[in-house]
C-alpha atoms as a PDB file:
ATOM      1  CA  MET A   1      -7.491  17.321   2.180  1.00  0.00           C
ATOM      2  CA  GLU A   2      -8.962  16.830   5.696  1.00  0.00           C
ATOM      3  CA  ARG A   3      -9.398  13.189   6.977  1.00  0.00           C
ATOM      4  CA  GLY A   4     -12.754  11.981   6.229  1.00  0.00           C
ATOM      5  CA  THR A   5     -13.384  13.998   3.124  1.00  0.00           C
ATOM      6  CA  MET A   6     -13.307  12.865  -0.537  1.00  0.00           C
ATOM      7  CA  THR A   7     -11.768  14.493  -3.453  1.00  0.00           C
ATOM      8  CA  ASP A   8     -10.776  13.407  -6.910  1.00  0.00           C
ATOM      9  CA  ILE A   9      -7.143  12.426  -7.457  1.00  0.00           C
ATOM     10  CA  ARG A  10      -5.581  13.137 -10.714  1.00  0.00           C
ATOM     11  CA  ILE A  11      -1.918  11.887 -11.464  1.00  0.00           C
ATOM     12  CA  GLU A  12      -1.060  13.664 -14.475  1.00  0.00           C
ATOM     13  CA  ASP A  13       2.370  12.044 -14.709  1.00  0.00           C
ATOM     14  CA  LEU A  14       1.368   8.510 -14.007  1.00  0.00           C
ATOM     15  CA  ARG A  15       2.938   6.975 -16.952  1.00  0.00           C
ATOM     16  CA  VAL A  16       6.162   9.002 -17.082  1.00  0.00           C
ATOM     17  CA  PRO A  17       6.811  10.650 -13.695  1.00  0.00           C
ATOM     18  CA  ILE A  18       8.003  14.198 -13.602  1.00  0.00           C
ATOM     19  CA  ARG A  19      10.865  14.603 -10.941  1.00  0.00           C
ATOM     20  CA  ASP A  20      12.875  17.745 -10.015  1.00  0.00           C
ATOM     21  CA  ALA A  21      16.508  17.426  -9.973  1.00  0.00           C
ATOM     22  CA  GLU A  22      16.747  16.225  -6.289  1.00  0.00           C
ATOM     23  CA  GLN A  23      14.052  13.748  -6.764  1.00  0.00           C
ATOM     24  CA  GLN A  24      15.769  12.419  -9.932  1.00  0.00           C
ATOM     25  CA  GLN A  25      18.992  12.224  -8.181  1.00  0.00           C
ATOM     26  CA  MET A  26      17.426  10.136  -5.426  1.00  0.00           C
ATOM     27  CA  PHE A  27      15.689   7.979  -7.981  1.00  0.00           C
ATOM     28  CA  ASP A  28      18.921   7.314  -9.801  1.00  0.00           C
ATOM     29  CA  LEU A  29      20.635   6.243  -6.642  1.00  0.00           C
ATOM     30  CA  ALA A  30      17.665   3.984  -5.726  1.00  0.00           C
ATOM     31  CA  THR A  31      17.656   2.504  -9.200  1.00  0.00           C
ATOM     32  CA  SER A  32      21.311   1.699  -9.012  1.00  0.00           C
ATOM     33  CA  MET A  33      21.201  -0.153  -5.612  1.00  0.00           C
ATOM     34  CA  GLU A  34      22.584  -3.579  -5.524  1.00  0.00           C
ATOM     35  CA  VAL A  35      20.380  -5.894  -3.484  1.00  0.00           C
ATOM     36  CA  ASP A  36      21.177  -9.531  -2.938  1.00  0.00           C
ATOM     37  CA  LEU A  37      18.066 -11.706  -2.706  1.00  0.00           C
ATOM     38  CA  MET A  38      19.813 -15.016  -2.285  1.00  0.00           C
ATOM     39  CA  PRO A  39      17.480 -17.042  -0.050  1.00  0.00           C
ATOM     40  CA  SER A  40      20.277 -18.341   2.250  1.00  0.00           C
ATOM     41  CA  LYS A  41      21.197 -14.646   3.008  1.00  0.00           C
ATOM     42  CA  LEU A  42      17.550 -13.819   3.635  1.00  0.00           C
ATOM     43  CA  VAL A  43      17.344 -16.515   6.222  1.00  0.00           C
ATOM     44  CA  ALA A  44      20.696 -15.530   7.818  1.00  0.00           C
ATOM     45  CA  ALA A  45      19.481 -11.906   8.105  1.00  0.00           C
ATOM     46  CA  ALA A  46      16.159 -13.203   9.814  1.00  0.00           C
ATOM     47  CA  LYS A  47      18.115 -15.389  12.210  1.00  0.00           C
ATOM     48  CA  ARG A  48      20.403 -12.572  13.170  1.00  0.00           C
ATOM     49  CA  ARG A  49      17.583 -10.138  13.797  1.00  0.00           C
ATOM     50  CA  THR A  50      15.794 -12.471  16.113  1.00  0.00           C
ATOM     51  CA  GLY A  51      18.565 -14.860  17.565  1.00  0.00           C
ATOM     52  CA  LEU A  52      16.337 -17.735  16.685  1.00  0.00           C
ATOM     53  CA  GLU A  53      16.760 -20.905  14.341  1.00  0.00           C
ATOM     54  CA  ASP A  54      13.526 -22.795  13.882  1.00  0.00           C
ATOM     55  CA  PHE A  55      11.166 -21.954  11.202  1.00  0.00           C
ATOM     56  CA  GLY A  56       8.901 -24.927  11.891  1.00  0.00           C
ATOM     57  CA  ASP A  57       7.766 -26.479   8.515  1.00  0.00           C
ATOM     58  CA  PRO A  58      10.823 -27.151   6.218  1.00  0.00           C
ATOM     59  CA  SER A  59       8.801 -26.717   3.101  1.00  0.00           C
ATOM     60  CA  LEU A  60       8.838 -22.962   3.862  1.00  0.00           C
ATOM     61  CA  MET A  61      12.259 -22.860   2.245  1.00  0.00           C
ATOM     62  CA  ASP A  62      10.952 -24.225  -1.044  1.00  0.00           C
ATOM     63  CA  ARG A  63       8.378 -21.506  -1.148  1.00  0.00           C
ATOM     64  CA  LEU A  64      10.974 -19.002  -0.297  1.00  0.00           C
ATOM     65  CA  ALA A  65      13.108 -20.196  -3.132  1.00  0.00           C
ATOM     66  CA  ALA A  66      10.097 -20.115  -5.500  1.00  0.00           C
ATOM     67  CA  GLN A  67       9.221 -16.387  -4.684  1.00  0.00           C
ATOM     68  CA  VAL A  68      13.014 -15.317  -5.048  1.00  0.00           C
ATOM     69  CA  ALA A  69      13.199 -17.044  -8.367  1.00  0.00           C
ATOM     70  CA  SER A  70      10.116 -15.341  -9.596  1.00  0.00           C
ATOM     71  CA  VAL A  71      11.256 -11.858  -8.336  1.00  0.00           C
ATOM     72  CA  GLU A  72      14.776 -12.425 -10.047  1.00  0.00           C
ATOM     73  CA  SER A  73      12.921 -12.969 -13.350  1.00  0.00           C
ATOM     74  CA  ASP A  74      11.335  -9.497 -13.010  1.00  0.00           C
ATOM     75  CA  THR A  75      14.099  -7.364 -14.856  1.00  0.00           C
ATOM     76  CA  GLY A  76      11.931  -4.228 -14.464  1.00  0.00           C
ATOM     77  CA  LEU A  77      12.442  -3.843 -10.619  1.00  0.00           C
ATOM     78  CA  SER A  78      14.624  -0.972  -9.506  1.00  0.00           C
ATOM     79  CA  GLY A  79      17.223  -1.412  -6.768  1.00  0.00           C
ATOM     80  CA  LEU A  80      14.674   0.105  -4.330  1.00  0.00           C
ATOM     81  CA  GLY A  81      12.001  -2.251  -5.602  1.00  0.00           C
ATOM     82  CA  ARG A  82      14.286  -5.116  -4.899  1.00  0.00           C
ATOM     83  CA  PHE A  83      15.280  -3.699  -1.536  1.00  0.00           C
ATOM     84  CA  LEU A  84      11.598  -3.385  -0.564  1.00  0.00           C
ATOM     85  CA  VAL A  85      11.064  -7.094  -1.596  1.00  0.00           C
ATOM     86  CA  ARG A  86      14.102  -8.001   0.535  1.00  0.00           C
ATOM     87  CA  ARG A  87      12.931  -6.091   3.590  1.00  0.00           C
ATOM     88  CA  ARG A  88       9.540  -7.715   3.347  1.00  0.00           C
ATOM     89  CA  LEU A  89      10.907 -11.292   3.066  1.00  0.00           C
ATOM     90  CA  VAL A  90      13.239 -10.782   5.971  1.00  0.00           C
ATOM     91  CA  GLY A  91      10.394  -9.324   7.985  1.00  0.00           C
ATOM     92  CA  LEU A  92       8.203 -12.275   7.367  1.00  0.00           C
ATOM     93  CA  LEU A  93      10.973 -14.822   8.046  1.00  0.00           C
ATOM     94  CA  ALA A  94      11.766 -13.010  11.351  1.00  0.00           C
ATOM     95  CA  ALA A  95       8.074 -13.005  12.366  1.00  0.00           C
ATOM     96  CA  ARG A  96       7.853 -16.711  11.463  1.00  0.00           C
ATOM     97  CA  LEU A  97      10.813 -17.495  13.716  1.00  0.00           C
ATOM     98  CA  ARG A  98       9.206 -15.500  16.576  1.00  0.00           C
ATOM     99  CA  LEU A  99       5.937 -17.302  16.118  1.00  0.00           C
ATOM    100  CA  GLU A 100       7.391 -20.739  16.221  1.00  0.00           C
ATOM    101  CA  ASP A 101       9.483 -19.821  19.177  1.00  0.00           C
ATOM    102  CA  PHE A 102       6.417 -18.490  21.040  1.00  0.00           C
ATOM    103  CA  ILE A 103       4.622 -21.791  20.388  1.00  0.00           C
ATOM    104  CA  ARG A 104       7.520 -23.641  21.754  1.00  0.00           C
ATOM    105  CA  ARG A 105       7.511 -21.620  24.917  1.00  0.00           C
ATOM    106  CA  HIS A 106       3.739 -21.459  25.187  1.00  0.00           C
ATOM    107  CA  PRO A 107       2.280 -24.686  23.677  1.00  0.00           C
ATOM    108  CA  GLU A 108      -0.953 -24.050  25.586  1.00  0.00           C
ATOM    109  CA  SER A 109      -1.552 -21.131  23.334  1.00  0.00           C
ATOM    110  CA  LEU A 110      -2.706 -23.613  20.739  1.00  0.00           C
ATOM    111  CA  GLU A 111      -5.561 -24.697  23.044  1.00  0.00           C
ATOM    112  CA  THR A 112      -7.250 -21.316  22.661  1.00  0.00           C
ATOM    113  CA  GLU A 113     -10.737 -21.788  21.274  1.00  0.00           C
ATOM    114  CA  LEU A 114     -11.793 -19.470  18.711  1.00  0.00           C
ATOM    115  CA  GLU A 115     -15.412 -18.245  18.289  1.00  0.00           C
ATOM    116  CA  PRO A 116     -17.051 -18.339  14.807  1.00  0.00           C
ATOM    117  CA  PRO A 117     -15.470 -15.174  12.989  1.00  0.00           C
ATOM    118  CA  VAL A 118     -17.050 -12.697  10.671  1.00  0.00           C
ATOM    119  CA  ILE A 119     -14.959 -12.604   7.297  1.00  0.00           C
ATOM    120  CA  VAL A 120     -15.037  -9.902   4.883  1.00  0.00           C
ATOM    121  CA  VAL A 121     -14.485 -11.132   1.276  1.00  0.00           C
ATOM    122  CA  GLY A 122     -14.376  -9.259  -1.949  1.00  0.00           C
ATOM    123  CA  LEU A 123     -12.306  -7.937  -4.762  1.00  0.00           C
ATOM    124  CA  PRO A 124      -9.292  -5.681  -3.765  1.00  0.00           C
ATOM    125  CA  ARG A 125     -10.344  -2.058  -3.945  1.00  0.00           C
ATOM    126  CA  SER A 126     -13.979  -2.981  -3.517  1.00  0.00           C
ATOM    127  CA  GLY A 127     -14.342  -1.493  -0.106  1.00  0.00           C
ATOM    128  CA  THR A 128     -13.193  -4.400   2.040  1.00  0.00           C
ATOM    129  CA  THR A 129     -10.850  -2.272   4.109  1.00  0.00           C
ATOM    130  CA  HIS A 130     -13.607   0.246   5.020  1.00  0.00           C
ATOM    131  CA  LEU A 131     -16.032  -2.553   5.919  1.00  0.00           C
ATOM    132  CA  VAL A 132     -13.622  -4.452   8.156  1.00  0.00           C
ATOM    133  CA  ASN A 133     -12.610  -1.108   9.909  1.00  0.00           C
ATOM    134  CA  LEU A 134     -16.296  -0.395  10.482  1.00  0.00           C
ATOM    135  CA  LEU A 135     -16.948  -3.712  11.897  1.00  0.00           C
ATOM    136  CA  ALA A 136     -13.922  -3.588  14.124  1.00  0.00           C
ATOM    137  CA  THR A 137     -15.250  -0.792  16.031  1.00  0.00           C
ATOM    138  CA  ASP A 138     -17.470  -3.280  17.830  1.00  0.00           C
ATOM    139  CA  THR A 139     -15.410  -4.088  20.745  1.00  0.00           C
ATOM    140  CA  ARG A 140     -16.785  -7.687  20.935  1.00  0.00           C
ATOM    141  CA  PHE A 141     -14.601  -8.546  18.045  1.00  0.00           C
ATOM    142  CA  ARG A 142     -11.006  -9.125  17.885  1.00  0.00           C
ATOM    143  CA  SER A 143      -9.200  -7.530  14.975  1.00  0.00           C
ATOM    144  CA  MET A 144      -5.622  -6.793  13.854  1.00  0.00           C
ATOM    145  CA  PRO A 145      -4.354  -3.234  13.678  1.00  0.00           C
ATOM    146  CA  TRP A 146      -1.505  -2.676  11.136  1.00  0.00           C
ATOM    147  CA  TRP A 147       1.097  -2.280  14.008  1.00  0.00           C
ATOM    148  CA  GLU A 148       0.183  -5.732  15.010  1.00  0.00           C
ATOM    149  CA  VAL A 149       0.120  -7.339  11.608  1.00  0.00           C
ATOM    150  CA  ALA A 150       3.682  -5.801  10.881  1.00  0.00           C
ATOM    151  CA  GLU A 151       5.028  -7.570  13.950  1.00  0.00           C
ATOM    152  CA  PRO A 152       2.562 -10.282  15.268  1.00  0.00           C
ATOM    153  CA  ILE A 153       4.797 -11.489  18.013  1.00  0.00           C
ATOM    154  CA  PRO A 154       6.903  -9.099  20.023  1.00  0.00           C
ATOM    155  CA  PRO A 155      10.525  -9.707  20.609  1.00  0.00           C
ATOM    156  CA  VAL A 156      11.096 -11.247  23.988  1.00  0.00           C
ATOM    157  CA  GLY A 157      11.254  -8.396  26.708  1.00  0.00           C
ATOM    158  CA  ASP A 158       9.834  -5.803  24.142  1.00  0.00           C
ATOM    159  CA  GLY A 159       6.730  -4.901  26.024  1.00  0.00           C
ATOM    160  CA  PRO A 160       4.903  -1.506  26.395  1.00  0.00           C
ATOM    161  CA  GLY A 161       6.794   1.117  28.361  1.00  0.00           C
ATOM    162  CA  ARG A 162       5.400   3.137  31.302  1.00  0.00           C
ATOM    163  CA  ASP A 163       3.275   5.209  28.872  1.00  0.00           C
ATOM    164  CA  GLY A 164       1.538   1.826  27.843  1.00  0.00           C
ATOM    165  CA  VAL A 165       2.570   2.329  24.245  1.00  0.00           C
ATOM    166  CA  ASP A 166       3.844  -0.881  22.444  1.00  0.00           C
ATOM    167  CA  PRO A 167       7.118  -0.390  20.726  1.00  0.00           C
ATOM    168  CA  ARG A 168       5.724  -2.068  17.727  1.00  0.00           C
ATOM    169  CA  TYR A 169       3.183   0.738  17.423  1.00  0.00           C
ATOM    170  CA  GLN A 170       6.059   3.205  17.593  1.00  0.00           C
ATOM    171  CA  ARG A 171       8.140   1.352  14.988  1.00  0.00           C
ATOM    172  CA  CYS A 172       5.135   1.129  12.704  1.00  0.00           C
ATOM    173  CA  GLU A 173       4.233   4.874  13.064  1.00  0.00           C
ATOM    174  CA  ALA A 174       7.824   5.908  12.194  1.00  0.00           C
ATOM    175  CA  GLU A 175       7.659   3.600   9.071  1.00  0.00           C
ATOM    176  CA  TYR A 176       4.239   5.100   8.151  1.00  0.00           C
ATOM    177  CA  GLU A 177       5.420   8.701   8.398  1.00  0.00           C
ATOM    178  CA  ALA A 178       8.522   7.902   6.309  1.00  0.00           C
ATOM    179  CA  SER A 179       6.433   6.143   3.612  1.00  0.00           C
ATOM    180  CA  LYS A 180       4.288   9.403   3.175  1.00  0.00           C
ATOM    181  CA  GLN A 181       7.256  11.267   2.344  1.00  0.00           C
ATOM    182  CA  VAL A 182       8.411   8.876  -0.308  1.00  0.00           C
ATOM    183  CA  SER A 183       4.835   8.228  -1.620  1.00  0.00           C
ATOM    184  CA  PRO A 184       2.567  11.022  -0.608  1.00  0.00           C
ATOM    185  CA  LEU A 185      -0.545  10.081  -2.614  1.00  0.00           C
ATOM    186  CA  THR A 186      -0.677   6.391  -1.566  1.00  0.00           C
ATOM    187  CA  SER A 187      -2.266   7.347   1.738  1.00  0.00           C
ATOM    188  CA  LEU A 188      -5.202   8.787  -0.244  1.00  0.00           C
ATOM    189  CA  MET A 189      -5.702   5.600  -2.127  1.00  0.00           C
ATOM    190  CA  HIS A 190      -4.945   3.092   0.678  1.00  0.00           C
ATOM    191  CA  ASP A 191      -4.365   4.796   4.056  1.00  0.00           C
ATOM    192  CA  ARG A 192      -2.553   2.411   6.425  1.00  0.00           C
ATOM    193  CA  PRO A 193      -1.680   4.149   9.658  1.00  0.00           C
ATOM    194  CA  PRO A 194      -0.725   2.048  12.612  1.00  0.00           C
ATOM    195  CA  SER A 195      -4.226   1.926  14.119  1.00  0.00           C
ATOM    196  CA  SER A 196      -5.968   0.852  10.865  1.00  0.00           C
ATOM    197  CA  ILE A 197      -7.388  -2.604  10.709  1.00  0.00           C
ATOM    198  CA  GLU A 198      -5.600  -4.956   8.082  1.00  0.00           C
ATOM    199  CA  GLU A 199      -6.140  -8.034   6.522  1.00  0.00           C
ATOM    200  CA  GLU A 200      -5.129 -11.552   7.534  1.00  0.00           C
ATOM    201  CA  CYS A 201      -3.354 -12.161   4.132  1.00  0.00           C
ATOM    202  CA  GLU A 202      -0.258 -10.674   5.750  1.00  0.00           C
ATOM    203  CA  LEU A 203      -0.556 -13.340   8.501  1.00  0.00           C
ATOM    204  CA  LEU A 204      -0.892 -15.991   5.859  1.00  0.00           C
ATOM    205  CA  ASP A 205       2.252 -14.835   4.296  1.00  0.00           C
ATOM    206  CA  LEU A 206       4.261 -15.977   7.288  1.00  0.00           C
ATOM    207  CA  ASP A 207       3.627 -19.233   5.548  1.00  0.00           C
ATOM    208  CA  LEU A 208       4.721 -17.678   2.182  1.00  0.00           C
ATOM    209  CA  CYS A 209       1.545 -18.630   0.420  1.00  0.00           C
ATOM    210  CA  THR A 210      -0.389 -15.604  -0.794  1.00  0.00           C
ATOM    211  CA  TYR A 211      -0.684 -13.172  -3.746  1.00  0.00           C
ATOM    212  CA  VAL A 212       0.899 -10.136  -1.749  1.00  0.00           C
ATOM    213  CA  LEU A 213       4.259 -10.525  -3.665  1.00  0.00           C
ATOM    214  CA  GLU A 214       2.197  -9.701  -6.953  1.00  0.00           C
ATOM    215  CA  TRP A 215       1.505  -6.407  -5.612  1.00  0.00           C
ATOM    216  CA  HIS A 216       5.201  -5.716  -5.204  1.00  0.00           C
ATOM    217  CA  ALA A 217       6.569  -7.163  -8.378  1.00  0.00           C
ATOM    218  CA  ARG A 218       5.601  -8.855 -11.794  1.00  0.00           C
ATOM    219  CA  VAL A 219       5.783 -12.499 -10.591  1.00  0.00           C
ATOM    220  CA  PRO A 220       3.472 -14.606 -12.748  1.00  0.00           C
ATOM    221  CA  GLY A 221       5.877 -17.573 -11.878  1.00  0.00           C
ATOM    222  CA  TRP A 222       4.979 -17.193  -8.248  1.00  0.00           C
ATOM    223  CA  ARG A 223       1.270 -16.808  -9.074  1.00  0.00           C
ATOM    224  CA  ASP A 224       1.238 -20.087 -10.843  1.00  0.00           C
ATOM    225  CA  HIS A 225       3.419 -21.839  -8.269  1.00  0.00           C
ATOM    226  CA  ALA A 226       0.976 -20.659  -5.309  1.00  0.00           C
ATOM    227  CA  GLU A 227      -2.029 -22.068  -7.406  1.00  0.00           C
ATOM    228  CA  GLN A 228      -0.507 -25.525  -6.920  1.00  0.00           C
ATOM    229  CA  LEU A 229      -0.066 -25.225  -3.037  1.00  0.00           C
ATOM    230  CA  ASP A 230      -2.193 -27.149  -0.598  1.00  0.00           C
ATOM    231  CA  GLN A 231      -4.044 -24.132   0.745  1.00  0.00           C
ATOM    232  CA  PHE A 232      -5.945 -26.343   3.350  1.00  0.00           C
ATOM    233  CA  ALA A 233      -2.566 -26.677   5.171  1.00  0.00           C
ATOM    234  CA  HIS A 234      -1.912 -22.902   4.942  1.00  0.00           C
ATOM    235  CA  TYR A 235      -5.374 -21.968   6.274  1.00  0.00           C
ATOM    236  CA  ALA A 236      -4.672 -24.403   9.110  1.00  0.00           C
ATOM    237  CA  PHE A 237      -1.513 -22.394   9.705  1.00  0.00           C
ATOM    238  CA  LEU A 238      -3.702 -19.105   9.871  1.00  0.00           C
ATOM    239  CA  HIS A 239      -5.946 -20.793  12.415  1.00  0.00           C
ATOM    240  CA  ARG A 240      -2.957 -21.424  14.557  1.00  0.00           C
ATOM    241  CA  GLU A 241      -1.779 -17.877  14.383  1.00  0.00           C
ATOM    242  CA  LEU A 242      -5.126 -16.659  15.412  1.00  0.00           C
ATOM    243  CA  GLN A 243      -5.158 -18.845  18.279  1.00  0.00           C
ATOM    244  CA  VAL A 244      -1.768 -17.530  19.505  1.00  0.00           C
ATOM    245  CA  LEU A 245      -2.797 -13.869  19.010  1.00  0.00           C
ATOM    246  CA  SER A 246      -6.100 -14.547  20.968  1.00  0.00           C
ATOM    247  CA  TYR A 247      -4.064 -15.989  23.598  1.00  0.00           C
ATOM    248  CA  LEU A 248      -2.010 -12.867  23.824  1.00  0.00           C
ATOM    249  CA  ARG A 249      -4.927 -10.548  23.668  1.00  0.00           C
ATOM    250  CA  GLY A 250      -8.688 -11.300  23.380  1.00  0.00           C
ATOM    251  CA  PRO A 251     -11.600 -11.511  22.580  1.00  0.00           C
ATOM    252  CA  ASN A 252     -11.683 -14.688  20.728  1.00  0.00           C
ATOM    253  CA  ARG A 253     -14.309 -13.868  18.144  1.00  0.00           C
ATOM    254  CA  TRP A 254     -12.395 -12.394  15.064  1.00  0.00           C
ATOM    255  CA  VAL A 255     -13.383 -10.043  12.291  1.00  0.00           C
ATOM    256  CA  LEU A 256     -11.195 -10.698   9.248  1.00  0.00           C
ATOM    257  CA  LYS A 257     -10.899  -9.758   5.613  1.00  0.00           C
ATOM    258  CA  CYS A 258      -8.807 -10.664   2.674  1.00  0.00           C
ATOM    259  CA  PRO A 259      -9.660 -10.429  -1.057  1.00  0.00           C
ATOM    260  CA  GLN A 260      -7.763 -13.517  -1.911  1.00  0.00           C
ATOM    261  CA  HIS A 261     -10.244 -15.643  -0.004  1.00  0.00           C
ATOM    262  CA  LEU A 262     -12.325 -15.308  -3.226  1.00  0.00           C
ATOM    263  CA  GLU A 263     -10.240 -18.035  -4.886  1.00  0.00           C
ATOM    264  CA  ARG A 264      -9.774 -20.002  -1.692  1.00  0.00           C
ATOM    265  CA  LEU A 265     -13.313 -20.316  -0.293  1.00  0.00           C
ATOM    266  CA  GLY A 266     -12.989 -23.991   0.135  1.00  0.00           C
ATOM    267  CA  PRO A 267     -10.082 -23.953   2.449  1.00  0.00           C
ATOM    268  CA  LEU A 268     -11.471 -20.841   4.140  1.00  0.00           C
ATOM    269  CA  MET A 269     -14.792 -22.424   5.036  1.00  0.00           C
ATOM    270  CA  ALA A 270     -13.116 -25.856   5.929  1.00  0.00           C
ATOM    271  CA  THR A 271     -11.104 -24.052   8.507  1.00  0.00           C
ATOM    272  CA  PHE A 272     -13.840 -21.800   9.810  1.00  0.00           C
ATOM    273  CA  PRO A 273     -17.055 -23.772   9.043  1.00  0.00           C
ATOM    274  CA  ASP A 274     -19.266 -21.567  11.328  1.00  0.00           C
ATOM    275  CA  ALA A 275     -17.881 -18.241   9.844  1.00  0.00           C
ATOM    276  CA  THR A 276     -20.301 -15.539   8.783  1.00  0.00           C
ATOM    277  CA  VAL A 277     -19.044 -14.294   5.416  1.00  0.00           C
ATOM    278  CA  ALA A 278     -19.826 -10.828   4.196  1.00  0.00           C
ATOM    279  CA  PHE A 279     -19.114 -10.085   0.373  1.00  0.00           C
ATOM    280  CA  THR A 280     -18.424  -6.633  -0.966  1.00  0.00           C
ATOM    281  CA  LEU A 281     -19.555  -5.938  -4.496  1.00  0.00           C
ATOM    282  CA  ARG A 282     -18.120  -3.226  -6.888  1.00  0.00           C
ATOM    283  CA  ASP A 283     -17.993  -3.139 -10.666  1.00  0.00           C
ATOM    284  CA  PRO A 284     -14.828  -4.944 -11.636  1.00  0.00           C
ATOM    285  CA  VAL A 285     -13.976  -2.143 -14.134  1.00  0.00           C
ATOM    286  CA  ALA A 286     -13.885   0.313 -11.316  1.00  0.00           C
ATOM    287  CA  VAL A 287     -11.931  -2.153  -9.246  1.00  0.00           C
ATOM    288  CA  LEU A 288      -9.247  -2.489 -11.917  1.00  0.00           C
ATOM    289  CA  GLN A 289      -9.137   1.303 -12.598  1.00  0.00           C
ATOM    290  CA  SER A 290      -8.475   1.886  -8.860  1.00  0.00           C
ATOM    291  CA  ALA A 291      -5.992  -0.962  -8.521  1.00  0.00           C
ATOM    292  CA  ILE A 292      -4.019  -0.230 -11.491  1.00  0.00           C
ATOM    293  CA  THR A 293      -3.738   3.569 -10.731  1.00  0.00           C
ATOM    294  CA  MET A 294      -2.481   2.674  -7.176  1.00  0.00           C
ATOM    295  CA  LEU A 295      -0.083   0.178  -8.512  1.00  0.00           C
ATOM    296  CA  ALA A 296       1.256   2.317 -11.308  1.00  0.00           C
ATOM    297  CA  TYR A 297       1.872   5.366  -8.806  1.00  0.00           C
ATOM    298  CA  GLY A 298       3.867   2.822  -6.576  1.00  0.00           C
ATOM    299  CA  ASP A 299       5.817   1.794  -9.493  1.00  0.00           C
ATOM    300  CA  ARG A 300       7.502   5.167  -9.956  1.00  0.00           C
ATOM    301  CA  ASN A 301       9.745   4.235  -7.054  1.00  0.00           C
ATOM    302  CA  ARG A 302       9.983   0.360  -7.237  1.00  0.00           C
ATOM    303  CA  ARG A 303      10.386   0.068 -11.072  1.00  0.00           C
ATOM    304  CA  VAL A 304      12.902   1.429 -13.577  1.00  0.00           C
ATOM    305  CA  GLN A 305      10.037   2.217 -15.985  1.00  0.00           C
ATOM    306  CA  ILE A 306       6.345   2.189 -15.552  1.00  0.00           C
ATOM    307  CA  ASP A 307       4.498  -0.020 -18.161  1.00  0.00           C
ATOM    308  CA  ALA A 308       0.930   0.764 -17.456  1.00  0.00           C
ATOM    309  CA  ASP A 309      -0.281  -1.469 -20.423  1.00  0.00           C
ATOM    310  CA  GLN A 310       1.525  -4.566 -18.951  1.00  0.00           C
ATOM    311  CA  LEU A 311       0.126  -3.717 -15.593  1.00  0.00           C
ATOM    312  CA  ALA A 312      -3.343  -3.555 -16.868  1.00  0.00           C
ATOM    313  CA  SER A 313      -2.967  -6.757 -18.756  1.00  0.00           C
ATOM    314  CA  TYR A 314      -1.697  -8.724 -15.718  1.00  0.00           C
ATOM    315  CA  TRP A 315      -4.464  -7.448 -13.353  1.00  0.00           C
ATOM    316  CA  VAL A 316      -7.248  -7.810 -15.670  1.00  0.00           C
ATOM    317  CA  ASP A 317      -6.306 -11.402 -15.846  1.00  0.00           C
ATOM    318  CA  ARG A 318      -5.693 -11.652 -12.061  1.00  0.00           C
ATOM    319  CA  VAL A 319      -9.042 -10.186 -11.140  1.00  0.00           C
ATOM    320  CA  GLU A 320     -10.677 -12.623 -13.627  1.00  0.00           C
ATOM    321  CA  ARG A 321      -8.963 -15.483 -11.954  1.00  0.00           C
ATOM    322  CA  LEU A 322     -10.322 -14.257  -8.505  1.00  0.00           C
ATOM    323  CA  LEU A 323     -13.790 -14.223  -9.816  1.00  0.00           C
ATOM    324  CA  ARG A 324     -13.755 -17.525 -11.763  1.00  0.00           C
ATOM    325  CA  ALA A 325     -12.030 -19.536  -8.976  1.00  0.00           C
END
């Protein structure tokens, strides 16, 4: 399929994946992987990667422990699924270390004045990604491409080479190409090349406070824990991140988007009182069909077995929570 065209996607083996001998061998190896998610080891890995020590807010460790405990209760994750969670958590912790270090070295970055943003809000799979990418073509806005979201603060001394290409872009591109080999249809459902504009939910998660983990594992315990968090404090953290990123590269008027803002409009508007909010609308039934199909397809790699009924039950409830908040 050519980029920019549309076609129906039918996954005949969605519930029970059909694999050839080589694919089955790789799946069996991935399923049997031993992955240690002990919080202290995740923290140690992030510190080794960055050479840094200070995470800022000590309560971050409580939220890390809550996330890990919830993941550990998900007995259906494959070894690969656990590895992907571990990689994500270590990456978030490393990014948090670099953020706090940057602010320590450049406290003036927090004096950056942000202009009133435009914020896209709507259910996941309702067109929020398309809308924010359209708005981001207006160069008066500051937006976040995926390569920057993946590594918001570059390692010290890791700047663009003579060709002007940021090493973070190159790393993101390599990961993107590898992911297409493992999960080829995902890019047809939610394409995420390095230059695509992504959501600030990923930035918020440097404070370990969002629903992103729910897309990687069955973690109702974390969902319930996150509902009790002081989201006003977490949105203040997001504001600080945006100040730092604008300090690194302007302009200072952001175009943002995150479906989870639906259940956090109070903290959102308290943090950005002059924001213009654009809501996307789509039939929740179509939203669920799209989300569950995408999640079930991803589960063929990250879970031992696909339980589409359980998946549907969880996300029907989750979407209702987003709408009723």
